Amino acid sequence: MFIRSVREAIGDRPLASVQSGTTIREAAHVLEQFNVGALAVLAGEQLVGILSERDVIQRCIAHDADPATTRVDEAMTADPVTVGADAGLSDAIGKFAEGGYRHLPVMQGGHCIGILSVRDVPAEYRMMYERFQEMRARPAGA
């Protein structure tokens, strides 16, 4: 199957999200329920951040913060880099590579409609992108 857009890569799975102000413990339950590595953090319908498993570990657990009282707002990455639903996978791969991200919120019409994981992108696409970048970096005639 040839995947052309970010929308095709995320398919029709529901948005895994929590509202701003949710506790880390509650967010961990949502991560488990959806079996995902990151959640969109919303204020109403507005994307305000992304919370990954790594955020929970590094910004909460490792600092001995209580997951039952610590809010996602304290551990999330605020104003995350996003990708449009109709963007090509090469755009998303570029953002993953450039920022060192593993998850990107997917936006459509100002609303977050999903989270794209680097695991959603077929390995051969990532390899082709890396090879292309290597070739672009070579001096002419090398």
N, C-alpha and C. Protein backbone atom coordinates (compact mmCIF):
# COMPACT_ATOMS: atom_id res chain seq x y z
N MET A 1 0.84 -1.19 0.00
CA MET A 1 0.00 0.00 0.00
C MET A 1 0.88 1.24 0.00
N PHE A 2 0.61 2.16 -0.89
CA PHE A 2 1.37 3.39 -1.00
C PHE A 2 0.65 4.48 -0.21
N ILE A 3 1.28 4.97 0.83
CA ILE A 3 0.69 6.02 1.67
C ILE A 3 1.21 7.36 1.18
N ARG A 4 0.29 8.25 0.84
CA ARG A 4 0.70 9.55 0.29
C ARG A 4 0.63 10.69 1.29
N SER A 5 -0.31 10.63 2.21
CA SER A 5 -0.50 11.78 3.11
C SER A 5 -0.47 11.33 4.56
N VAL A 6 -0.31 12.31 5.42
CA VAL A 6 -0.35 12.06 6.86
C VAL A 6 -1.72 11.50 7.23
N ARG A 7 -2.77 12.03 6.63
CA ARG A 7 -4.14 11.55 6.91
C ARG A 7 -4.25 10.05 6.67
N GLU A 8 -3.68 9.58 5.57
CA GLU A 8 -3.73 8.15 5.26
C GLU A 8 -2.94 7.34 6.29
N ALA A 9 -1.86 7.91 6.79
CA ALA A 9 -1.03 7.19 7.76
C ALA A 9 -1.73 7.03 9.11
N ILE A 10 -2.51 8.04 9.52
CA ILE A 10 -3.18 7.91 10.82
C ILE A 10 -4.51 7.18 10.70
N GLY A 11 -5.03 7.07 9.48
CA GLY A 11 -6.28 6.34 9.28
C GLY A 11 -7.43 6.98 10.02
N ASP A 12 -8.33 6.14 10.50
CA ASP A 12 -9.52 6.67 11.17
C ASP A 12 -9.50 6.42 12.68
N ARG A 13 -8.31 6.22 13.23
CA ARG A 13 -8.27 5.99 14.68
C ARG A 13 -8.64 7.27 15.43
N PRO A 14 -9.27 7.11 16.57
CA PRO A 14 -9.72 8.28 17.32
C PRO A 14 -8.54 9.06 17.92
N LEU A 15 -8.76 10.34 18.15
CA LEU A 15 -7.75 11.19 18.77
C LEU A 15 -7.60 10.80 20.24
N ALA A 16 -6.39 10.47 20.63
CA ALA A 16 -6.08 10.19 22.04
C ALA A 16 -5.71 11.53 22.67
N SER A 17 -6.54 12.00 23.58
CA SER A 17 -6.31 13.32 24.15
C SER A 17 -6.80 13.40 25.59
N VAL A 18 -6.32 14.44 26.26
CA VAL A 18 -6.79 14.80 27.60
C VAL A 18 -6.96 16.31 27.61
N GLN A 19 -7.73 16.79 28.54
CA GLN A 19 -7.91 18.23 28.71
C GLN A 19 -6.81 18.79 29.61
N SER A 20 -6.44 20.02 29.34
CA SER A 20 -5.52 20.74 30.20
C SER A 20 -6.05 20.66 31.64
N GLY A 21 -5.16 20.48 32.58
CA GLY A 21 -5.58 20.36 33.98
C GLY A 21 -5.75 18.94 34.46
N THR A 22 -5.75 18.00 33.54
CA THR A 22 -5.84 16.57 33.89
C THR A 22 -4.58 16.17 34.65
N THR A 23 -4.71 15.24 35.57
CA THR A 23 -3.53 14.77 36.30
C THR A 23 -2.72 13.80 35.44
N ILE A 24 -1.47 13.69 35.78
CA ILE A 24 -0.59 12.74 35.08
C ILE A 24 -1.14 11.33 35.23
N ARG A 25 -1.64 10.98 36.39
CA ARG A 25 -2.19 9.64 36.61
C ARG A 25 -3.35 9.38 35.66
N GLU A 26 -4.26 10.34 35.55
CA GLU A 26 -5.39 10.19 34.63
C GLU A 26 -4.90 10.07 33.18
N ALA A 27 -3.90 10.88 32.83
CA ALA A 27 -3.34 10.83 31.48
C ALA A 27 -2.69 9.46 31.21
N ALA A 28 -2.04 8.92 32.21
CA ALA A 28 -1.41 7.60 32.05
C ALA A 28 -2.46 6.53 31.75
N HIS A 29 -3.62 6.66 32.37
CA HIS A 29 -4.71 5.72 32.08
C HIS A 29 -5.19 5.85 30.63
N VAL A 30 -5.22 7.08 30.12
CA VAL A 30 -5.63 7.31 28.73
C VAL A 30 -4.57 6.74 27.78
N LEU A 31 -3.29 6.95 28.09
CA LEU A 31 -2.22 6.35 27.29
C LEU A 31 -2.40 4.83 27.22
N GLU A 32 -2.70 4.23 28.35
CA GLU A 32 -2.91 2.78 28.42
C GLU A 32 -4.16 2.36 27.64
N GLN A 33 -5.24 3.10 27.83
CA GLN A 33 -6.51 2.79 27.16
C GLN A 33 -6.35 2.78 25.64
N PHE A 34 -5.64 3.78 25.10
CA PHE A 34 -5.47 3.89 23.66
C PHE A 34 -4.25 3.13 23.15
N ASN A 35 -3.42 2.64 24.08
CA ASN A 35 -2.19 1.93 23.73
C ASN A 35 -1.31 2.78 22.81
N VAL A 36 -1.06 4.02 23.25
CA VAL A 36 -0.26 4.97 22.48
C VAL A 36 0.86 5.53 23.36
N GLY A 37 1.79 6.22 22.71
CA GLY A 37 2.92 6.79 23.41
C GLY A 37 2.81 8.29 23.65
N ALA A 38 1.74 8.92 23.14
CA ALA A 38 1.58 10.36 23.33
C ALA A 38 0.11 10.75 23.21
N LEU A 39 -0.22 11.83 23.89
CA LEU A 39 -1.59 12.36 23.89
C LEU A 39 -1.58 13.83 23.51
N ALA A 40 -2.60 14.26 22.82
CA ALA A 40 -2.82 15.68 22.60
C ALA A 40 -3.40 16.25 23.89
N VAL A 41 -2.91 17.42 24.28
CA VAL A 41 -3.46 18.11 25.44
C VAL A 41 -4.26 19.29 24.89
N LEU A 42 -5.54 19.31 25.24
CA LEU A 42 -6.46 20.30 24.70
C LEU A 42 -7.00 21.22 25.79
N ALA A 43 -7.27 22.46 25.41
CA ALA A 43 -8.03 23.39 26.25
C ALA A 43 -9.31 23.62 25.46
N GLY A 44 -10.36 22.91 25.85
CA GLY A 44 -11.56 22.88 25.03
C GLY A 44 -11.25 22.08 23.78
N GLU A 45 -11.30 22.73 22.62
CA GLU A 45 -10.94 22.06 21.37
C GLU A 45 -9.58 22.52 20.84
N GLN A 46 -8.93 23.44 21.55
CA GLN A 46 -7.66 24.04 21.11
C GLN A 46 -6.48 23.20 21.60
N LEU A 47 -5.58 22.83 20.68
CA LEU A 47 -4.36 22.10 21.05
C LEU A 47 -3.43 23.04 21.81
N VAL A 48 -3.04 22.65 23.01
CA VAL A 48 -2.11 23.46 23.80
C VAL A 48 -0.80 22.74 24.08
N GLY A 49 -0.77 21.43 23.84
CA GLY A 49 0.46 20.69 24.10
C GLY A 49 0.35 19.24 23.69
N ILE A 50 1.46 18.54 23.87
CA ILE A 50 1.50 17.10 23.66
C ILE A 50 2.21 16.49 24.86
N LEU A 51 1.69 15.40 25.34
CA LEU A 51 2.26 14.70 26.49
C LEU A 51 2.68 13.31 26.04
N SER A 52 3.96 13.02 26.14
CA SER A 52 4.46 11.70 25.77
C SER A 52 4.83 10.91 27.02
N GLU A 53 5.00 9.61 26.83
CA GLU A 53 5.47 8.77 27.93
C GLU A 53 6.80 9.30 28.47
N ARG A 54 7.64 9.74 27.56
CA ARG A 54 8.95 10.28 27.96
C ARG A 54 8.77 11.53 28.83
N ASP A 55 7.82 12.40 28.48
CA ASP A 55 7.54 13.58 29.30
C ASP A 55 7.14 13.17 30.71
N VAL A 56 6.28 12.15 30.81
CA VAL A 56 5.82 11.68 32.11
C VAL A 56 7.01 11.21 32.94
N ILE A 57 7.90 10.45 32.33
CA ILE A 57 9.05 9.91 33.06
C ILE A 57 10.03 11.02 33.43
N GLN A 58 10.43 11.83 32.45
CA GLN A 58 11.48 12.81 32.68
C GLN A 58 11.03 14.04 33.47
N ARG A 59 9.79 14.46 33.28
CA ARG A 59 9.35 15.70 33.91
C ARG A 59 8.47 15.50 35.14
N CYS A 60 8.11 14.26 35.42
CA CYS A 60 7.27 13.99 36.58
C CYS A 60 7.95 12.94 37.48
N ILE A 61 7.99 11.71 37.02
CA ILE A 61 8.50 10.60 37.83
C ILE A 61 9.94 10.84 38.27
N ALA A 62 10.82 11.23 37.35
CA ALA A 62 12.24 11.43 37.67
C ALA A 62 12.46 12.57 38.66
N HIS A 63 11.49 13.46 38.77
CA HIS A 63 11.59 14.59 39.71
C HIS A 63 10.76 14.35 40.97
N ASP A 64 10.36 13.10 41.16
CA ASP A 64 9.59 12.70 42.34
C ASP A 64 8.29 13.49 42.51
N ALA A 65 7.72 13.95 41.39
CA ALA A 65 6.42 14.63 41.44
C ALA A 65 5.32 13.57 41.55
N ASP A 66 4.30 13.87 42.28
CA ASP A 66 3.21 12.93 42.50
C ASP A 66 2.28 12.92 41.28
N PRO A 67 2.18 11.79 40.57
CA PRO A 67 1.31 11.72 39.39
C PRO A 67 -0.16 11.98 39.70
N ALA A 68 -0.55 11.77 40.95
CA ALA A 68 -1.95 11.97 41.33
C ALA A 68 -2.31 13.45 41.47
N THR A 69 -1.30 14.29 41.65
CA THR A 69 -1.58 15.72 41.82
C THR A 69 -0.91 16.61 40.77
N THR A 70 0.09 16.08 40.09
CA THR A 70 0.78 16.86 39.05
C THR A 70 -0.10 16.91 37.81
N ARG A 71 -0.24 18.10 37.25
CA ARG A 71 -1.09 18.30 36.07
C ARG A 71 -0.27 18.10 34.80
N VAL A 72 -0.96 17.66 33.74
CA VAL A 72 -0.28 17.46 32.45
C VAL A 72 0.39 18.73 31.97
N ASP A 73 -0.16 19.87 32.32
CA ASP A 73 0.40 21.16 31.90
C ASP A 73 1.83 21.35 32.41
N GLU A 74 2.17 20.68 33.50
CA GLU A 74 3.51 20.81 34.09
C GLU A 74 4.52 19.90 33.40
N ALA A 75 4.08 18.90 32.69
CA ALA A 75 4.99 17.93 32.07
C ALA A 75 4.94 17.93 30.55
N MET A 76 3.90 18.50 29.98
CA MET A 76 3.72 18.44 28.53
C MET A 76 4.71 19.34 27.79
N THR A 77 4.83 19.11 26.51
CA THR A 77 5.53 20.03 25.62
C THR A 77 4.47 20.98 25.09
N ALA A 78 4.57 22.24 25.50
CA ALA A 78 3.59 23.24 25.07
C ALA A 78 3.87 23.68 23.64
N ASP A 79 2.83 24.11 22.96
CA ASP A 79 2.94 24.61 21.58
C ASP A 79 3.79 23.69 20.71
N PRO A 80 3.40 22.43 20.58
CA PRO A 80 4.22 21.48 19.82
C PRO A 80 4.24 21.78 18.33
N VAL A 81 5.29 21.31 17.69
CA VAL A 81 5.36 21.33 16.23
C VAL A 81 4.27 20.40 15.73
N THR A 82 3.54 20.82 14.71
CA THR A 82 2.43 20.02 14.17
C THR A 82 2.66 19.76 12.69
N VAL A 83 1.82 18.91 12.14
CA VAL A 83 1.84 18.63 10.71
C VAL A 83 0.39 18.63 10.22
N GLY A 84 0.19 19.13 9.01
CA GLY A 84 -1.14 19.17 8.45
C GLY A 84 -1.60 17.79 7.99
N ALA A 85 -2.88 17.54 8.07
CA ALA A 85 -3.43 16.23 7.69
C ALA A 85 -3.17 15.91 6.22
N ASP A 86 -3.16 16.93 5.38
CA ASP A 86 -2.96 16.69 3.96
C ASP A 86 -1.50 16.81 3.52
N ALA A 87 -0.59 17.00 4.48
CA ALA A 87 0.84 17.07 4.17
C ALA A 87 1.32 15.70 3.72
N GLY A 88 2.36 15.71 2.93
CA GLY A 88 2.98 14.45 2.52
C GLY A 88 3.78 13.85 3.65
N LEU A 89 3.99 12.56 3.58
CA LEU A 89 4.77 11.90 4.62
C LEU A 89 6.20 12.43 4.68
N SER A 90 6.73 12.89 3.54
CA SER A 90 8.09 13.44 3.56
C SER A 90 8.16 14.68 4.44
N ASP A 91 7.09 15.48 4.48
CA ASP A 91 7.06 16.64 5.37
C ASP A 91 7.13 16.20 6.82
N ALA A 92 6.35 15.19 7.16
CA ALA A 92 6.34 14.68 8.54
C ALA A 92 7.69 14.07 8.89
N ILE A 93 8.26 13.29 7.99
CA ILE A 93 9.56 12.67 8.25
C ILE A 93 10.61 13.75 8.49
N GLY A 94 10.55 14.81 7.69
CA GLY A 94 11.48 15.92 7.88
C GLY A 94 11.34 16.55 9.25
N LYS A 95 10.12 16.73 9.72
CA LYS A 95 9.90 17.30 11.05
C LYS A 95 10.38 16.36 12.14
N PHE A 96 10.12 15.06 11.97
CA PHE A 96 10.62 14.08 12.93
C PHE A 96 12.15 14.18 13.02
N ALA A 97 12.81 14.18 11.88
CA ALA A 97 14.27 14.19 11.83
C ALA A 97 14.84 15.50 12.36
N GLU A 98 14.28 16.60 11.91
CA GLU A 98 14.81 17.92 12.29
C GLU A 98 14.69 18.18 13.78
N GLY A 99 13.54 17.83 14.34
CA GLY A 99 13.31 18.13 15.75
C GLY A 99 13.61 17.00 16.71
N GLY A 100 13.89 15.82 16.18
CA GLY A 100 14.11 14.67 17.05
C GLY A 100 12.83 14.20 17.72
N TYR A 101 11.69 14.46 17.07
CA TYR A 101 10.40 14.08 17.63
C TYR A 101 10.05 12.64 17.28
N ARG A 102 9.17 12.06 18.07
CA ARG A 102 8.62 10.75 17.76
C ARG A 102 7.12 10.81 17.55
N HIS A 103 6.51 11.95 17.89
CA HIS A 103 5.07 12.13 17.73
C HIS A 103 4.80 13.56 17.26
N LEU A 104 3.86 13.69 16.33
CA LEU A 104 3.44 15.00 15.84
C LEU A 104 1.92 15.09 15.85
N PRO A 105 1.37 16.13 16.47
CA PRO A 105 -0.08 16.34 16.36
C PRO A 105 -0.43 16.64 14.90
N VAL A 106 -1.54 16.08 14.45
CA VAL A 106 -2.01 16.26 13.08
C VAL A 106 -3.17 17.24 13.10
N MET A 107 -3.02 18.32 12.30
CA MET A 107 -3.99 19.40 12.33
C MET A 107 -4.81 19.46 11.04
N GLN A 108 -6.06 19.82 11.21
CA GLN A 108 -6.94 20.08 10.07
C GLN A 108 -7.89 21.20 10.48
N GLY A 109 -7.87 22.28 9.72
CA GLY A 109 -8.77 23.39 10.01
C GLY A 109 -8.64 23.95 11.41
N GLY A 110 -7.42 23.98 11.94
CA GLY A 110 -7.20 24.53 13.27
C GLY A 110 -7.51 23.59 14.41
N HIS A 111 -7.88 22.35 14.10
CA HIS A 111 -8.21 21.36 15.13
C HIS A 111 -7.26 20.18 15.02
N CYS A 112 -6.90 19.63 16.15
CA CYS A 112 -6.07 18.43 16.17
C CYS A 112 -6.98 17.22 15.92
N ILE A 113 -6.63 16.44 14.90
CA ILE A 113 -7.46 15.28 14.55
C ILE A 113 -6.77 13.96 14.82
N GLY A 114 -5.51 14.02 15.23
CA GLY A 114 -4.79 12.78 15.51
C GLY A 114 -3.36 13.07 15.90
N ILE A 115 -2.66 12.00 16.21
CA ILE A 115 -1.22 12.07 16.52
C ILE A 115 -0.53 11.09 15.59
N LEU A 116 0.44 11.60 14.84
CA LEU A 116 1.25 10.74 13.97
C LEU A 116 2.48 10.32 14.75
N SER A 117 2.69 9.02 14.81
CA SER A 117 3.89 8.47 15.45
C SER A 117 4.89 8.13 14.36
N VAL A 118 6.15 8.21 14.69
CA VAL A 118 7.19 7.82 13.74
C VAL A 118 6.97 6.36 13.33
N ARG A 119 6.35 5.57 14.20
CA ARG A 119 6.07 4.16 13.87
C ARG A 119 4.96 4.01 12.83
N ASP A 120 4.20 5.07 12.60
CA ASP A 120 3.16 5.04 11.57
C ASP A 120 3.73 5.16 10.17
N VAL A 121 4.96 5.63 10.09
CA VAL A 121 5.62 5.84 8.80
C VAL A 121 6.40 4.56 8.46
N PRO A 122 6.09 3.94 7.33
CA PRO A 122 6.80 2.72 6.96
C PRO A 122 8.31 2.93 6.95
N ALA A 123 9.04 1.94 7.42
CA ALA A 123 10.51 2.03 7.53
C ALA A 123 11.15 2.38 6.20
N GLU A 124 10.62 1.84 5.10
CA GLU A 124 11.23 2.12 3.80
C GLU A 124 11.10 3.60 3.43
N TYR A 125 10.04 4.26 3.89
CA TYR A 125 9.88 5.70 3.64
C TYR A 125 10.97 6.47 4.39
N ARG A 126 11.17 6.09 5.66
CA ARG A 126 12.19 6.76 6.47
C ARG A 126 13.57 6.54 5.87
N MET A 127 13.85 5.33 5.40
CA MET A 127 15.15 5.03 4.80
C MET A 127 15.35 5.83 3.51
N MET A 128 14.31 5.93 2.69
CA MET A 128 14.42 6.71 1.46
C MET A 128 14.69 8.18 1.78
N TYR A 129 14.03 8.70 2.79
CA TYR A 129 14.23 10.09 3.18
C TYR A 129 15.67 10.30 3.64
N GLU A 130 16.17 9.40 4.49
CA GLU A 130 17.55 9.51 4.98
C GLU A 130 18.54 9.45 3.83
N ARG A 131 18.30 8.54 2.90
CA ARG A 131 19.19 8.41 1.74
C ARG A 131 19.16 9.69 0.90
N PHE A 132 18.00 10.25 0.70
CA PHE A 132 17.85 11.49 -0.04
C PHE A 132 18.64 12.62 0.64
N GLN A 133 18.52 12.70 1.97
CA GLN A 133 19.25 13.74 2.71
C GLN A 133 20.76 13.55 2.59
N GLU A 134 21.21 12.31 2.62
CA GLU A 134 22.64 12.03 2.45
C GLU A 134 23.10 12.50 1.08
N MET A 135 22.32 12.21 0.06
CA MET A 135 22.70 12.58 -1.31
C MET A 135 22.70 14.10 -1.47
N ARG A 136 21.75 14.79 -0.86
CA ARG A 136 21.70 16.26 -0.93
C ARG A 136 22.91 16.89 -0.26
N ALA A 137 23.44 16.24 0.77
CA ALA A 137 24.55 16.79 1.52
C ALA A 137 25.90 16.60 0.83
N ARG A 138 25.95 15.70 -0.13
CA ARG A 138 27.22 15.44 -0.85
C ARG A 138 27.55 16.60 -1.76
N PRO A 139 28.84 16.95 -1.81
CA PRO A 139 29.26 17.98 -2.77
C PRO A 139 29.07 17.49 -4.19
N ALA A 140 28.82 18.41 -5.11
CA ALA A 140 28.64 18.05 -6.52
C ALA A 140 29.88 17.36 -7.03
N GLY A 141 29.68 16.27 -7.76
CA GLY A 141 30.79 15.52 -8.35
C GLY A 141 31.46 14.56 -7.41
N ALA A 142 30.96 14.44 -6.19
CA ALA A 142 31.59 13.53 -5.22
C ALA A 142 31.13 12.10 -5.42
